[in-house]
Amino acid sequence: MATKKYILDRFDDFFVILFEKNNKANKLVILKEKFTIEAKIGDLVEVHKNEDKSGYDFKILKEETNETKQRLLDLIEGMKKE
């Protein structure tokens, strides 16, 4: 698996559910104990399958997450003015 970007959708009892950024049909479900970063719902996360560890490497893409959130807030503000 190449490195892909996912949006953290939710946490449930035992799993973390992520959806691929540009293809919402692709879902990734990971055990909470294997999710090794402090991400929150809505964060953009880079996921790379690590064959050596038989698991995944994660990286929060804070700058991209913040830019996306700001664009959404700007859109909402624009809608309020109409």
Protein backbone atom coordinates (compact mmCIF):
# COMPACT_ATOMS: atom_id res chain seq x y z
CA MET A 1 0.00 0.00 0.00
CA ALA A 2 1.37 3.39 -0.92
CA THR A 3 1.02 6.32 1.40
CA LYS A 4 -2.54 7.67 1.33
CA LYS A 5 -4.40 10.49 3.01
CA TYR A 6 -7.40 9.73 5.19
CA ILE A 7 -9.83 11.81 7.20
CA LEU A 8 -10.44 10.58 10.74
CA ASP A 9 -14.19 9.96 10.85
CA ARG A 10 -14.80 8.52 14.30
CA PHE A 11 -13.69 6.38 17.20
CA ASP A 12 -15.87 3.53 18.38
CA ASP A 13 -15.38 1.04 21.20
CA PHE A 14 -12.38 -0.79 19.74
CA PHE A 15 -11.65 0.81 16.36
CA VAL A 16 -10.66 4.01 14.60
CA ILE A 17 -12.50 4.62 11.34
CA LEU A 18 -10.89 6.67 8.57
CA PHE A 19 -12.10 7.49 5.05
CA GLU A 20 -9.75 8.09 2.15
CA LYS A 21 -9.58 11.81 1.39
CA ASN A 22 -10.46 11.70 -2.30
CA ASN A 23 -12.44 8.47 -2.35
CA LYS A 24 -15.00 8.19 0.45
CA ALA A 25 -15.83 4.66 -0.70
CA ASN A 26 -12.47 3.50 0.71
CA LYS A 27 -12.62 3.01 4.45
CA LEU A 28 -9.77 2.01 6.75
CA VAL A 29 -10.58 0.46 10.12
CA ILE A 30 -7.74 0.16 12.63
CA LEU A 31 -7.66 -1.18 16.18
CA LYS A 32 -7.43 1.71 18.66
CA GLU A 33 -4.36 0.16 20.26
CA LYS A 34 -2.57 0.24 16.88
CA PHE A 35 -3.46 3.89 16.19
CA THR A 36 -0.29 5.47 17.51
CA ILE A 37 -0.98 9.22 17.20
CA GLU A 38 -3.09 11.76 19.08
CA ALA A 39 -5.46 12.74 16.28
CA LYS A 40 -8.99 14.05 16.61
CA ILE A 41 -12.09 13.68 14.48
CA GLY A 42 -11.78 15.62 11.23
CA ASP A 43 -7.97 15.52 11.14
CA LEU A 44 -6.24 14.66 7.89
CA VAL A 45 -3.92 11.72 8.48
CA GLU A 46 -1.23 10.32 6.22
CA VAL A 47 -1.21 6.51 6.46
CA HIS A 48 1.60 4.30 5.21
CA LYS A 49 1.57 0.52 5.46
CA ASN A 50 4.81 -0.55 7.10
CA GLU A 51 5.64 -4.06 5.92
CA ASP A 52 8.54 -4.37 8.39
CA LYS A 53 6.30 -3.84 11.42
CA SER A 54 3.24 -5.56 9.93
CA GLY A 55 1.29 -2.40 10.66
CA TYR A 56 0.88 1.24 9.76
CA ASP A 57 2.77 4.49 10.23
CA PHE A 58 0.65 7.61 10.83
CA LYS A 59 1.29 11.31 10.50
CA ILE A 60 -1.19 14.12 11.21
CA LEU A 61 -1.19 16.69 8.42
CA LYS A 62 -2.04 19.68 10.62
CA GLU A 63 -1.40 22.40 8.05
CA GLU A 64 -3.67 20.79 5.45
CA THR A 65 -6.30 20.08 8.11
CA ASN A 66 -6.28 23.71 9.25
CA GLU A 67 -6.49 25.00 5.66
CA THR A 68 -9.48 22.78 4.94
CA LYS A 69 -11.24 23.81 8.15
CA GLN A 70 -10.66 27.49 7.34
CA ARG A 71 -12.08 27.06 3.82
CA LEU A 72 -15.19 25.44 5.30
CA LEU A 73 -15.59 28.21 7.86
CA ASP A 74 -15.24 30.82 5.09
CA LEU A 75 -17.91 29.03 3.04
CA ILE A 76 -20.27 28.96 6.03
CA GLU A 77 -19.71 32.67 6.67
CA GLY A 78 -20.38 33.40 3.01
CA MET A 79 -23.64 31.46 3.15
CA LYS A 80 -24.77 33.40 6.24
CA LYS A 81 -24.34 36.70 4.41
CA GLU A 82 -26.57 35.66 1.50
